[in-house]
Amino acid sequence: MLDNISFANPDFFWLFLLLPLAILWYIFKRKEETASLRISSIKGFKFEGILPKLKPALFVMRLIALGAIIVAMARPQTEDISTRTKTTKGIDIVIAIDVSSSMLARDLKPNRLSALKKVAADFIKKRPNDRIGLVAYAGEGYTKTPITTDKSIVLSALREITYGQLQDGTAIGMGLATSVNRLKESKAKSKIIILLTDGVNNSGFIEPQTAADLAIEFDIKTYTIGLGTNGNALSPIAYNSDGSFRYGMRQVEIDEELLKDIAEVTGGKYFRATDNETLEDIYDEINKLEKTEIEEFKYYRYEERFRPWVLLAGTLLLLEWVLRNTLFRSFI
């Protein structure tokens, strides 16, 4: 009966301390009422059976009734809680992904682009209250998905990103500028870009520094990620006769100074991901750094449960009174 029950007035449970006193009083009174008589023989005395021995049951019933009354006074009740959340400070995020041929390098498993897509998908799933968009860039940049709250659309678009959709190259400035263009009209309290590349800027007609200035103008924070192991990586170096890539070892070149500068001037942070685990850790850290403020409202509905205890107490007291005035009347 007490499962999942809370009490509105638990201080009344202190009254249970009266029960041991009541028991002591009953024992003391019972001794006073019991007289002793010495006789030579009990032959001829008539005994009333088992009823006299059951007389203490009346006191036990009264005691249990008193305990039930105390529980009822403590007001047992069940609690039903419903919640409603409201986003009070949303974040608009654009993830800019380098899709140049070097992203097929296999220093991350199975390759850089596939590893990034997996980690980015996990990141998107952890941001249910934010709007997210995707930008892909190589020799040029384009918007894959405008910022939206529909995560299924973003995740579907992320899965569709592959190498070969754009002219090869690494246009960091174009990728950043396209991302800024997606966020400049945003009314969100916080706007961020997560820009990832594994190379140096070698394409596009917008310089990275110019794109960074645009981000500053529109108050857009940029986190930059340099992707690639230190040293050499197994990368595409030429085409085979069937059109597939031929792989060979190639020096990993990342313009870290440029990425650090973009992050610093826009208020973001630069990260270097050299393997799958590091890349996951970076997105986890960004997830922790950019928190969406959510206001939660809780609604409580209480249902009183004292009535069964009152009914139990009343039943026991009534039964005790009936027995006292019928079966046990001659022994009172």
C-alpha atoms as a PDB file:
ATOM      1  CA  MET A   1       0.000   0.000   0.000  1.00  0.00           C
ATOM      2  CA  LEU A   2       2.962   2.301   0.620  1.00  0.00           C
ATOM      3  CA  ASP A   3       4.673   1.718  -2.738  1.00  0.00           C
ATOM      4  CA  ASN A   4       5.297   4.948  -4.693  1.00  0.00           C
ATOM      5  CA  ILE A   5       3.653   6.978  -1.940  1.00  0.00           C
ATOM      6  CA  SER A   6       4.839  10.328  -0.611  1.00  0.00           C
ATOM      7  CA  PHE A   7       3.536  12.119   2.479  1.00  0.00           C
ATOM      8  CA  ALA A   8       2.411  15.744   2.623  1.00  0.00           C
ATOM      9  CA  ASN A   9       2.681  15.956   6.450  1.00  0.00           C
ATOM     10  CA  PRO A  10       5.391  13.483   7.502  1.00  0.00           C
ATOM     11  CA  ASP A  11       5.846  15.202  10.899  1.00  0.00           C
ATOM     12  CA  PHE A  12       2.775  13.344  12.141  1.00  0.00           C
ATOM     13  CA  PHE A  13       4.832  10.149  12.120  1.00  0.00           C
ATOM     14  CA  TRP A  14       6.345  11.352  15.400  1.00  0.00           C
ATOM     15  CA  LEU A  15       3.043  10.297  16.956  1.00  0.00           C
ATOM     16  CA  PHE A  16       4.126   6.687  16.508  1.00  0.00           C
ATOM     17  CA  LEU A  17       6.284   7.275  19.592  1.00  0.00           C
ATOM     18  CA  LEU A  18       3.030   7.187  21.575  1.00  0.00           C
ATOM     19  CA  LEU A  19       2.392   3.568  20.614  1.00  0.00           C
ATOM     20  CA  PRO A  20       5.126   2.041  22.829  1.00  0.00           C
ATOM     21  CA  LEU A  21       3.804   4.182  25.707  1.00  0.00           C
ATOM     22  CA  ALA A  22       0.321   2.832  25.066  1.00  0.00           C
ATOM     23  CA  ILE A  23       1.667  -0.722  25.153  1.00  0.00           C
ATOM     24  CA  LEU A  24       3.438  -0.103  28.491  1.00  0.00           C
ATOM     25  CA  TRP A  25       0.282   1.460  29.909  1.00  0.00           C
ATOM     26  CA  TYR A  26      -1.777  -1.547  28.836  1.00  0.00           C
ATOM     27  CA  ILE A  27       0.661  -4.021  30.416  1.00  0.00           C
ATOM     28  CA  PHE A  28       0.745  -2.046  33.675  1.00  0.00           C
ATOM     29  CA  LYS A  29      -3.051  -1.735  33.815  1.00  0.00           C
ATOM     30  CA  ARG A  30      -3.495  -5.455  33.026  1.00  0.00           C
ATOM     31  CA  LYS A  31      -1.280  -6.391  35.976  1.00  0.00           C
ATOM     32  CA  GLU A  32      -3.274  -4.151  38.295  1.00  0.00           C
ATOM     33  CA  GLU A  33      -6.529  -5.750  37.189  1.00  0.00           C
ATOM     34  CA  THR A  34      -5.224  -9.280  37.695  1.00  0.00           C
ATOM     35  CA  ALA A  35      -5.876 -10.569  41.260  1.00  0.00           C
ATOM     36  CA  SER A  36      -4.286 -13.706  42.790  1.00  0.00           C
ATOM     37  CA  LEU A  37      -6.147 -16.265  44.869  1.00  0.00           C
ATOM     38  CA  ARG A  38      -4.699 -19.237  46.661  1.00  0.00           C
ATOM     39  CA  ILE A  39      -6.968 -22.221  47.168  1.00  0.00           C
ATOM     40  CA  SER A  40      -6.389 -25.882  47.923  1.00  0.00           C
ATOM     41  CA  SER A  41      -8.253 -27.161  44.868  1.00  0.00           C
ATOM     42  CA  ILE A  42      -9.742 -25.777  41.631  1.00  0.00           C
ATOM     43  CA  LYS A  43     -12.172 -28.640  41.334  1.00  0.00           C
ATOM     44  CA  GLY A  44     -15.665 -27.358  40.685  1.00  0.00           C
ATOM     45  CA  PHE A  45     -14.563 -24.122  38.940  1.00  0.00           C
ATOM     46  CA  LYS A  46     -15.977 -23.559  35.486  1.00  0.00           C
ATOM     47  CA  PHE A  47     -13.641 -22.054  32.767  1.00  0.00           C
ATOM     48  CA  GLU A  48     -14.894 -20.041  29.834  1.00  0.00           C
ATOM     49  CA  GLY A  49     -12.646 -21.607  27.175  1.00  0.00           C
ATOM     50  CA  ILE A  50     -10.290 -19.644  24.895  1.00  0.00           C
ATOM     51  CA  LEU A  51     -12.089 -16.259  24.866  1.00  0.00           C
ATOM     52  CA  PRO A  52     -10.327 -14.816  27.937  1.00  0.00           C
ATOM     53  CA  LYS A  53      -6.983 -15.467  26.273  1.00  0.00           C
ATOM     54  CA  LEU A  54      -8.064 -13.554  23.180  1.00  0.00           C
ATOM     55  CA  LYS A  55      -9.011 -10.432  25.100  1.00  0.00           C
ATOM     56  CA  PRO A  56      -5.628  -8.677  24.305  1.00  0.00           C
ATOM     57  CA  ALA A  57      -6.618  -8.832  20.638  1.00  0.00           C
ATOM     58  CA  LEU A  58      -9.029  -5.972  21.328  1.00  0.00           C
ATOM     59  CA  PHE A  59      -6.130  -3.773  22.413  1.00  0.00           C
ATOM     60  CA  VAL A  60      -4.080  -4.818  19.370  1.00  0.00           C
ATOM     61  CA  MET A  61      -6.961  -3.826  17.082  1.00  0.00           C
ATOM     62  CA  ARG A  62      -7.221  -0.455  18.791  1.00  0.00           C
ATOM     63  CA  LEU A  63      -3.449  -0.023  18.461  1.00  0.00           C
ATOM     64  CA  ILE A  64      -3.491  -0.812  14.739  1.00  0.00           C
ATOM     65  CA  ALA A  65      -6.403   1.597  14.279  1.00  0.00           C
ATOM     66  CA  LEU A  66      -4.413   4.331  15.997  1.00  0.00           C
ATOM     67  CA  GLY A  67      -1.441   3.647  13.685  1.00  0.00           C
ATOM     68  CA  ALA A  68      -3.714   3.849  10.633  1.00  0.00           C
ATOM     69  CA  ILE A  69      -5.083   7.198  11.856  1.00  0.00           C
ATOM     70  CA  ILE A  70      -1.533   8.547  12.213  1.00  0.00           C
ATOM     71  CA  VAL A  71      -0.708   7.441   8.651  1.00  0.00           C
ATOM     72  CA  ALA A  72      -3.890   9.125   7.395  1.00  0.00           C
ATOM     73  CA  MET A  73      -2.940  12.355   9.198  1.00  0.00           C
ATOM     74  CA  ALA A  74       0.430  12.268   7.407  1.00  0.00           C
ATOM     75  CA  ARG A  75      -1.573  12.477   4.135  1.00  0.00           C
ATOM     76  CA  PRO A  76      -0.203   9.755   1.862  1.00  0.00           C
ATOM     77  CA  GLN A  77      -0.488  10.718  -1.796  1.00  0.00           C
ATOM     78  CA  THR A  78       0.714   9.658  -5.217  1.00  0.00           C
ATOM     79  CA  GLU A  79       2.517  12.150  -7.418  1.00  0.00           C
ATOM     80  CA  ASP A  80       2.201  12.436 -11.182  1.00  0.00           C
ATOM     81  CA  ILE A  81       4.837  14.663 -12.805  1.00  0.00           C
ATOM     82  CA  SER A  82       4.623  15.925 -16.375  1.00  0.00           C
ATOM     83  CA  THR A  83       7.312  18.089 -17.950  1.00  0.00           C
ATOM     84  CA  ARG A  84       7.443  20.583 -20.787  1.00  0.00           C
ATOM     85  CA  THR A  85      10.660  22.073 -22.113  1.00  0.00           C
ATOM     86  CA  LYS A  86      11.174  25.369 -23.844  1.00  0.00           C
ATOM     87  CA  THR A  87      14.360  26.372 -25.640  1.00  0.00           C
ATOM     88  CA  THR A  88      15.257  29.808 -24.338  1.00  0.00           C
ATOM     89  CA  LYS A  89      18.580  30.230 -26.109  1.00  0.00           C
ATOM     90  CA  GLY A  90      18.901  28.294 -29.333  1.00  0.00           C
ATOM     91  CA  ILE A  91      22.048  27.809 -31.387  1.00  0.00           C
ATOM     92  CA  ASP A  92      22.310  27.797 -35.177  1.00  0.00           C
ATOM     93  CA  ILE A  93      25.135  25.590 -36.451  1.00  0.00           C
ATOM     94  CA  VAL A  94      26.638  25.059 -39.899  1.00  0.00           C
ATOM     95  CA  ILE A  95      29.002  22.136 -40.418  1.00  0.00           C
ATOM     96  CA  ALA A  96      31.382  22.806 -43.317  1.00  0.00           C
ATOM     97  CA  ILE A  97      32.889  19.598 -44.716  1.00  0.00           C
ATOM     98  CA  ASP A  98      35.918  19.321 -46.993  1.00  0.00           C
ATOM     99  CA  VAL A  99      35.099  16.797 -49.753  1.00  0.00           C
ATOM    100  CA  SER A 100      38.338  17.015 -51.732  1.00  0.00           C
ATOM    101  CA  SER A 101      40.066  13.834 -52.928  1.00  0.00           C
ATOM    102  CA  SER A 102      42.506  13.926 -50.009  1.00  0.00           C
ATOM    103  CA  MET A 103      39.540  13.233 -47.693  1.00  0.00           C
ATOM    104  CA  LEU A 104      39.684   9.664 -49.036  1.00  0.00           C
ATOM    105  CA  ALA A 105      43.036   9.143 -47.291  1.00  0.00           C
ATOM    106  CA  ARG A 106      43.053   6.077 -45.093  1.00  0.00           C
ATOM    107  CA  ASP A 107      44.851   7.298 -41.987  1.00  0.00           C
ATOM    108  CA  LEU A 108      41.381   7.333 -40.395  1.00  0.00           C
ATOM    109  CA  LYS A 109      39.215   4.241 -40.777  1.00  0.00           C
ATOM    110  CA  PRO A 110      37.849   3.485 -43.285  1.00  0.00           C
ATOM    111  CA  ASN A 111      38.852   6.905 -44.619  1.00  0.00           C
ATOM    112  CA  ARG A 112      38.739  10.503 -43.460  1.00  0.00           C
ATOM    113  CA  LEU A 113      35.407  11.394 -45.076  1.00  0.00           C
ATOM    114  CA  SER A 114      33.562   8.316 -43.814  1.00  0.00           C
ATOM    115  CA  ALA A 115      34.963   8.751 -40.315  1.00  0.00           C
ATOM    116  CA  LEU A 116      33.914  12.404 -40.297  1.00  0.00           C
ATOM    117  CA  LYS A 117      30.375  11.627 -41.482  1.00  0.00           C
ATOM    118  CA  LYS A 118      29.910   9.093 -38.687  1.00  0.00           C
ATOM    119  CA  VAL A 119      31.123  11.467 -35.969  1.00  0.00           C
ATOM    120  CA  ALA A 120      29.176  14.410 -37.408  1.00  0.00           C
ATOM    121  CA  ALA A 121      25.987  12.308 -37.423  1.00  0.00           C
ATOM    122  CA  ASP A 122      26.435  11.509 -33.734  1.00  0.00           C
ATOM    123  CA  PHE A 123      26.985  15.209 -33.028  1.00  0.00           C
ATOM    124  CA  ILE A 124      23.796  16.182 -34.884  1.00  0.00           C
ATOM    125  CA  LYS A 125      21.751  13.636 -32.928  1.00  0.00           C
ATOM    126  CA  LYS A 126      22.979  15.184 -29.664  1.00  0.00           C
ATOM    127  CA  ARG A 127      21.660  18.648 -30.651  1.00  0.00           C
ATOM    128  CA  PRO A 128      17.859  18.106 -30.753  1.00  0.00           C
ATOM    129  CA  ASN A 129      17.033  21.716 -29.861  1.00  0.00           C
ATOM    130  CA  ASP A 130      19.292  23.481 -32.385  1.00  0.00           C
ATOM    131  CA  ARG A 131      19.032  24.298 -36.070  1.00  0.00           C
ATOM    132  CA  ILE A 132      21.788  22.710 -38.155  1.00  0.00           C
ATOM    133  CA  GLY A 133      22.862  23.125 -41.775  1.00  0.00           C
ATOM    134  CA  LEU A 134      25.509  21.510 -43.979  1.00  0.00           C
ATOM    135  CA  VAL A 135      28.010  23.046 -46.385  1.00  0.00           C
ATOM    136  CA  ALA A 136      30.265  20.962 -48.627  1.00  0.00           C
ATOM    137  CA  TYR A 137      33.332  22.380 -50.289  1.00  0.00           C
ATOM    138  CA  ALA A 138      36.314  21.291 -52.380  1.00  0.00           C
ATOM    139  CA  GLY A 139      37.465  23.517 -55.240  1.00  0.00           C
ATOM    140  CA  GLU A 140      34.260  25.488 -54.576  1.00  0.00           C
ATOM    141  CA  GLY A 141      31.565  25.485 -51.935  1.00  0.00           C
ATOM    142  CA  TYR A 142      27.805  24.963 -51.882  1.00  0.00           C
ATOM    143  CA  THR A 143      24.994  24.584 -49.384  1.00  0.00           C
ATOM    144  CA  LYS A 144      23.970  20.968 -48.958  1.00  0.00           C
ATOM    145  CA  THR A 145      21.242  21.747 -46.401  1.00  0.00           C
ATOM    146  CA  PRO A 146      20.069  25.145 -45.075  1.00  0.00           C
ATOM    147  CA  ILE A 147      19.787  25.411 -41.295  1.00  0.00           C
ATOM    148  CA  THR A 148      16.778  23.460 -40.106  1.00  0.00           C
ATOM    149  CA  THR A 149      15.376  21.804 -37.005  1.00  0.00           C
ATOM    150  CA  ASP A 150      14.505  18.661 -38.994  1.00  0.00           C
ATOM    151  CA  LYS A 151      17.406  16.394 -38.068  1.00  0.00           C
ATOM    152  CA  SER A 152      16.211  13.613 -40.386  1.00  0.00           C
ATOM    153  CA  ILE A 153      16.767  15.902 -43.385  1.00  0.00           C
ATOM    154  CA  VAL A 154      20.234  16.900 -42.158  1.00  0.00           C
ATOM    155  CA  LEU A 155      21.269  13.310 -41.463  1.00  0.00           C
ATOM    156  CA  SER A 156      19.990  12.166 -44.850  1.00  0.00           C
ATOM    157  CA  ALA A 157      21.922  14.957 -46.599  1.00  0.00           C
ATOM    158  CA  LEU A 158      25.044  14.072 -44.611  1.00  0.00           C
ATOM    159  CA  ARG A 159      24.877  10.467 -45.824  1.00  0.00           C
ATOM    160  CA  GLU A 160      24.655  11.697 -49.422  1.00  0.00           C
ATOM    161  CA  ILE A 161      27.882  13.726 -49.235  1.00  0.00           C
ATOM    162  CA  THR A 162      30.583  11.993 -51.301  1.00  0.00           C
ATOM    163  CA  TYR A 163      33.721  12.842 -53.219  1.00  0.00           C
ATOM    164  CA  GLY A 164      33.220  13.860 -56.850  1.00  0.00           C
ATOM    165  CA  GLN A 165      30.272  16.208 -56.454  1.00  0.00           C
ATOM    166  CA  LEU A 166      32.546  19.250 -56.795  1.00  0.00           C
ATOM    167  CA  GLN A 167      35.691  20.201 -58.677  1.00  0.00           C
ATOM    168  CA  ASP A 168      38.685  18.927 -56.733  1.00  0.00           C
ATOM    169  CA  GLY A 169      40.729  21.307 -54.621  1.00  0.00           C
ATOM    170  CA  THR A 170      40.576  22.858 -51.156  1.00  0.00           C
ATOM    171  CA  ALA A 171      38.799  26.211 -51.107  1.00  0.00           C
ATOM    172  CA  ILE A 172      38.750  26.943 -47.380  1.00  0.00           C
ATOM    173  CA  GLY A 173      37.689  30.549 -47.993  1.00  0.00           C
ATOM    174  CA  MET A 174      34.755  29.425 -50.143  1.00  0.00           C
ATOM    175  CA  GLY A 175      33.637  26.862 -47.561  1.00  0.00           C
ATOM    176  CA  LEU A 176      33.760  29.425 -44.748  1.00  0.00           C
ATOM    177  CA  ALA A 177      32.104  32.192 -46.788  1.00  0.00           C
ATOM    178  CA  THR A 178      29.265  29.888 -47.862  1.00  0.00           C
ATOM    179  CA  SER A 179      28.715  28.914 -44.224  1.00  0.00           C
ATOM    180  CA  VAL A 180      28.635  32.585 -43.172  1.00  0.00           C
ATOM    181  CA  ASN A 181      26.083  33.269 -45.887  1.00  0.00           C
ATOM    182  CA  ARG A 182      23.815  30.600 -44.399  1.00  0.00           C
ATOM    183  CA  LEU A 183      24.009  32.170 -40.921  1.00  0.00           C
ATOM    184  CA  LYS A 184      24.134  35.912 -41.544  1.00  0.00           C
ATOM    185  CA  GLU A 185      20.334  36.316 -41.457  1.00  0.00           C
ATOM    186  CA  SER A 186      19.948  34.092 -38.395  1.00  0.00           C
ATOM    187  CA  LYS A 187      18.213  35.583 -35.334  1.00  0.00           C
ATOM    188  CA  ALA A 188      19.623  32.929 -32.996  1.00  0.00           C
ATOM    189  CA  LYS A 189      21.378  34.039 -29.808  1.00  0.00           C
ATOM    190  CA  SER A 190      24.443  32.038 -30.838  1.00  0.00           C
ATOM    191  CA  LYS A 191      25.757  31.207 -34.324  1.00  0.00           C
ATOM    192  CA  ILE A 192      28.662  28.845 -34.929  1.00  0.00           C
ATOM    193  CA  ILE A 193      30.501  27.197 -37.804  1.00  0.00           C
ATOM    194  CA  ILE A 194      32.411  23.931 -37.517  1.00  0.00           C
ATOM    195  CA  LEU A 195      34.867  23.949 -40.412  1.00  0.00           C
ATOM    196  CA  LEU A 196      36.941  20.875 -41.158  1.00  0.00           C
ATOM    197  CA  THR A 197      39.746  20.465 -43.682  1.00  0.00           C
ATOM    198  CA  ASP A 198      42.703  18.179 -44.274  1.00  0.00           C
ATOM    199  CA  GLY A 199      44.763  20.456 -46.495  1.00  0.00           C
ATOM    200  CA  VAL A 200      45.798  23.980 -47.417  1.00  0.00           C
ATOM    201  CA  ASN A 201      43.789  26.625 -49.242  1.00  0.00           C
ATOM    202  CA  ASN A 202      44.556  26.243 -52.954  1.00  0.00           C
ATOM    203  CA  SER A 203      41.282  27.071 -54.746  1.00  0.00           C
ATOM    204  CA  GLY A 204      38.395  29.503 -54.790  1.00  0.00           C
ATOM    205  CA  PHE A 205      38.121  33.228 -55.340  1.00  0.00           C
ATOM    206  CA  ILE A 206      37.480  34.196 -51.688  1.00  0.00           C
ATOM    207  CA  GLU A 207      40.456  34.346 -49.360  1.00  0.00           C
ATOM    208  CA  PRO A 208      40.040  32.609 -45.969  1.00  0.00           C
ATOM    209  CA  GLN A 209      40.945  35.823 -44.133  1.00  0.00           C
ATOM    210  CA  THR A 210      38.188  37.677 -45.999  1.00  0.00           C
ATOM    211  CA  ALA A 211      35.677  34.977 -45.066  1.00  0.00           C
ATOM    212  CA  ALA A 212      36.857  35.193 -41.437  1.00  0.00           C
ATOM    213  CA  ASP A 213      36.227  38.955 -41.486  1.00  0.00           C
ATOM    214  CA  LEU A 214      32.681  38.266 -42.666  1.00  0.00           C
ATOM    215  CA  ALA A 215      32.193  35.842 -39.779  1.00  0.00           C
ATOM    216  CA  ILE A 216      33.357  38.529 -37.355  1.00  0.00           C
ATOM    217  CA  GLU A 217      30.978  41.078 -38.881  1.00  0.00           C
ATOM    218  CA  PHE A 218      27.984  38.808 -38.361  1.00  0.00           C
ATOM    219  CA  ASP A 219      29.143  37.642 -34.920  1.00  0.00           C
ATOM    220  CA  ILE A 220      29.652  34.023 -36.000  1.00  0.00           C
ATOM    221  CA  LYS A 221      32.029  31.888 -33.965  1.00  0.00           C
ATOM    222  CA  THR A 222      34.111  29.377 -35.942  1.00  0.00           C
ATOM    223  CA  TYR A 223      35.603  26.139 -34.680  1.00  0.00           C
ATOM    224  CA  THR A 224      38.227  24.769 -37.045  1.00  0.00           C
ATOM    225  CA  ILE A 225      39.465  21.187 -37.261  1.00  0.00           C
ATOM    226  CA  GLY A 226      42.599  20.006 -39.028  1.00  0.00           C
ATOM    227  CA  LEU A 227      42.115  16.364 -40.029  1.00  0.00           C
ATOM    228  CA  GLY A 228      45.003  14.006 -40.703  1.00  0.00           C
ATOM    229  CA  THR A 229      47.751  12.056 -39.020  1.00  0.00           C
ATOM    230  CA  ASN A 230      51.194  13.478 -38.379  1.00  0.00           C
ATOM    231  CA  GLY A 231      53.641  12.485 -41.132  1.00  0.00           C
ATOM    232  CA  ASN A 232      52.554  10.462 -44.155  1.00  0.00           C
ATOM    233  CA  ALA A 233      49.159   8.978 -44.982  1.00  0.00           C
ATOM    234  CA  LEU A 234      47.937   6.499 -47.568  1.00  0.00           C
ATOM    235  CA  SER A 235      46.190   8.870 -49.991  1.00  0.00           C
ATOM    236  CA  PRO A 236      44.908   9.012 -53.606  1.00  0.00           C
ATOM    237  CA  ILE A 237      47.822   9.929 -55.855  1.00  0.00           C
ATOM    238  CA  ALA A 238      46.571   9.047 -59.362  1.00  0.00           C
ATOM    239  CA  TYR A 239      43.771   7.379 -61.333  1.00  0.00           C
ATOM    240  CA  ASN A 240      43.857   3.775 -62.504  1.00  0.00           C
ATOM    241  CA  SER A 241      42.735   2.880 -66.015  1.00  0.00           C
ATOM    242  CA  ASP A 242      39.291   1.921 -64.704  1.00  0.00           C
ATOM    243  CA  GLY A 243      38.800   5.344 -63.118  1.00  0.00           C
ATOM    244  CA  SER A 244      39.469   4.239 -59.556  1.00  0.00           C
ATOM    245  CA  PHE A 245      42.098   5.864 -57.376  1.00  0.00           C
ATOM    246  CA  ARG A 246      45.626   4.592 -57.022  1.00  0.00           C
ATOM    247  CA  TYR A 247      46.851   5.012 -53.456  1.00  0.00           C
ATOM    248  CA  GLY A 248      50.318   5.856 -52.226  1.00  0.00           C
ATOM    249  CA  MET A 249      51.998   7.482 -49.240  1.00  0.00           C
ATOM    250  CA  ARG A 250      51.768  11.254 -49.211  1.00  0.00           C
ATOM    251  CA  GLN A 251      52.894  13.921 -46.778  1.00  0.00           C
ATOM    252  CA  VAL A 252      50.025  15.322 -44.728  1.00  0.00           C
ATOM    253  CA  GLU A 253      49.927  19.093 -45.187  1.00  0.00           C
ATOM    254  CA  ILE A 254      47.509  21.164 -43.111  1.00  0.00           C
ATOM    255  CA  ASP A 255      47.672  24.937 -42.857  1.00  0.00           C
ATOM    256  CA  GLU A 256      47.336  24.913 -39.075  1.00  0.00           C
ATOM    257  CA  GLU A 257      48.372  28.543 -38.704  1.00  0.00           C
ATOM    258  CA  LEU A 258      45.508  29.613 -40.957  1.00  0.00           C
ATOM    259  CA  LEU A 259      42.983  27.450 -39.089  1.00  0.00           C
ATOM    260  CA  LYS A 260      44.218  28.719 -35.722  1.00  0.00           C
ATOM    261  CA  ASP A 261      43.947  32.317 -36.908  1.00  0.00           C
ATOM    262  CA  ILE A 262      40.367  31.836 -38.203  1.00  0.00           C
ATOM    263  CA  ALA A 263      39.311  30.276 -34.907  1.00  0.00           C
ATOM    264  CA  GLU A 264      41.026  32.912 -32.777  1.00  0.00           C
ATOM    265  CA  VAL A 265      39.683  36.008 -34.545  1.00  0.00           C
ATOM    266  CA  THR A 266      36.109  34.672 -34.571  1.00  0.00           C
ATOM    267  CA  GLY A 267      36.130  33.588 -30.922  1.00  0.00           C
ATOM    268  CA  GLY A 268      36.283  29.867 -31.642  1.00  0.00           C
ATOM    269  CA  LYS A 269      38.919  27.211 -31.098  1.00  0.00           C
ATOM    270  CA  TYR A 270      41.247  25.115 -33.257  1.00  0.00           C
ATOM    271  CA  PHE A 271      41.520  21.330 -32.954  1.00  0.00           C
ATOM    272  CA  ARG A 272      43.751  18.717 -34.592  1.00  0.00           C
ATOM    273  CA  ALA A 273      42.302  15.255 -35.236  1.00  0.00           C
ATOM    274  CA  THR A 274      44.882  12.588 -36.026  1.00  0.00           C
ATOM    275  CA  ASP A 275      42.667   9.493 -35.655  1.00  0.00           C
ATOM    276  CA  ASN A 276      39.054   8.405 -35.233  1.00  0.00           C
ATOM    277  CA  GLU A 277      39.120   8.645 -31.437  1.00  0.00           C
ATOM    278  CA  THR A 278      40.555  12.164 -31.444  1.00  0.00           C
ATOM    279  CA  LEU A 279      37.925  13.293 -33.947  1.00  0.00           C
ATOM    280  CA  GLU A 280      35.148  11.924 -31.709  1.00  0.00           C
ATOM    281  CA  ASP A 281      36.651  13.682 -28.688  1.00  0.00           C
ATOM    282  CA  ILE A 282      36.771  16.995 -30.574  1.00  0.00           C
ATOM    283  CA  TYR A 283      33.087  16.900 -31.485  1.00  0.00           C
ATOM    284  CA  ASP A 284      32.246  15.900 -27.907  1.00  0.00           C
ATOM    285  CA  GLU A 285      34.191  18.905 -26.626  1.00  0.00           C
ATOM    286  CA  ILE A 286      32.440  21.274 -29.036  1.00  0.00           C
ATOM    287  CA  ASN A 287      29.137  19.773 -27.932  1.00  0.00           C
ATOM    288  CA  LYS A 288      30.005  20.601 -24.313  1.00  0.00           C
ATOM    289  CA  LEU A 289      31.301  24.097 -25.143  1.00  0.00           C
ATOM    290  CA  GLU A 290      28.147  25.108 -27.013  1.00  0.00           C
ATOM    291  CA  LYS A 291      25.250  24.486 -24.645  1.00  0.00           C
ATOM    292  CA  THR A 292      21.682  25.351 -25.534  1.00  0.00           C
ATOM    293  CA  GLU A 293      19.765  26.934 -22.662  1.00  0.00           C
ATOM    294  CA  ILE A 294      16.553  25.017 -22.024  1.00  0.00           C
ATOM    295  CA  GLU A 295      13.853  25.996 -19.556  1.00  0.00           C
ATOM    296  CA  GLU A 296      11.973  23.067 -18.099  1.00  0.00           C
ATOM    297  CA  PHE A 297       8.501  23.338 -16.611  1.00  0.00           C
ATOM    298  CA  LYS A 298       7.235  20.632 -14.282  1.00  0.00           C
ATOM    299  CA  TYR A 299       3.581  20.084 -13.502  1.00  0.00           C
ATOM    300  CA  TYR A 300       2.631  18.101 -10.397  1.00  0.00           C
ATOM    301  CA  ARG A 301      -0.695  16.335  -9.859  1.00  0.00           C
ATOM    302  CA  TYR A 302      -1.335  14.778  -6.459  1.00  0.00           C
ATOM    303  CA  GLU A 303      -3.932  12.144  -5.620  1.00  0.00           C
ATOM    304  CA  GLU A 304      -4.760  11.739  -1.935  1.00  0.00           C
ATOM    305  CA  ARG A 305      -4.444   8.196  -0.547  1.00  0.00           C
ATOM    306  CA  PHE A 306      -5.452   8.707   3.105  1.00  0.00           C
ATOM    307  CA  ARG A 307      -9.008   7.408   2.715  1.00  0.00           C
ATOM    308  CA  PRO A 308      -8.126   3.669   2.819  1.00  0.00           C
ATOM    309  CA  TRP A 309      -6.275   4.281   6.100  1.00  0.00           C
ATOM    310  CA  VAL A 310      -9.253   6.106   7.615  1.00  0.00           C
ATOM    311  CA  LEU A 311     -11.512   3.261   6.460  1.00  0.00           C
ATOM    312  CA  LEU A 312      -9.141   0.689   8.004  1.00  0.00           C
ATOM    313  CA  ALA A 313      -9.053   2.573  11.306  1.00  0.00           C
ATOM    314  CA  GLY A 314     -12.837   2.996  11.402  1.00  0.00           C
ATOM    315  CA  THR A 315     -13.423  -0.678  10.596  1.00  0.00           C
ATOM    316  CA  LEU A 316     -11.056  -1.852  13.338  1.00  0.00           C
ATOM    317  CA  LEU A 317     -12.553   0.483  15.936  1.00  0.00           C
ATOM    318  CA  LEU A 318     -16.076  -0.576  15.023  1.00  0.00           C
ATOM    319  CA  LEU A 319     -15.118  -4.251  15.144  1.00  0.00           C
ATOM    320  CA  GLU A 320     -13.357  -3.747  18.487  1.00  0.00           C
ATOM    321  CA  TRP A 321     -16.451  -2.032  19.923  1.00  0.00           C
ATOM    322  CA  VAL A 322     -18.785  -4.789  18.697  1.00  0.00           C
ATOM    323  CA  LEU A 323     -16.599  -7.584  20.085  1.00  0.00           C
ATOM    324  CA  ARG A 324     -16.113  -5.746  23.372  1.00  0.00           C
ATOM    325  CA  ASN A 325     -19.867  -5.431  23.818  1.00  0.00           C
ATOM    326  CA  THR A 326     -20.757  -8.946  22.666  1.00  0.00           C
ATOM    327  CA  LEU A 327     -18.322 -11.868  22.886  1.00  0.00           C
ATOM    328  CA  PHE A 328     -15.996 -10.260  25.401  1.00  0.00           C
ATOM    329  CA  ARG A 329     -18.604  -8.382  27.425  1.00  0.00           C
ATOM    330  CA  SER A 330     -18.471 -10.765  30.363  1.00  0.00           C
ATOM    331  CA  PHE A 331     -14.667 -10.463  30.559  1.00  0.00           C
ATOM    332  CA  ILE A 332     -14.394  -6.677  30.521  1.00  0.00           C
END
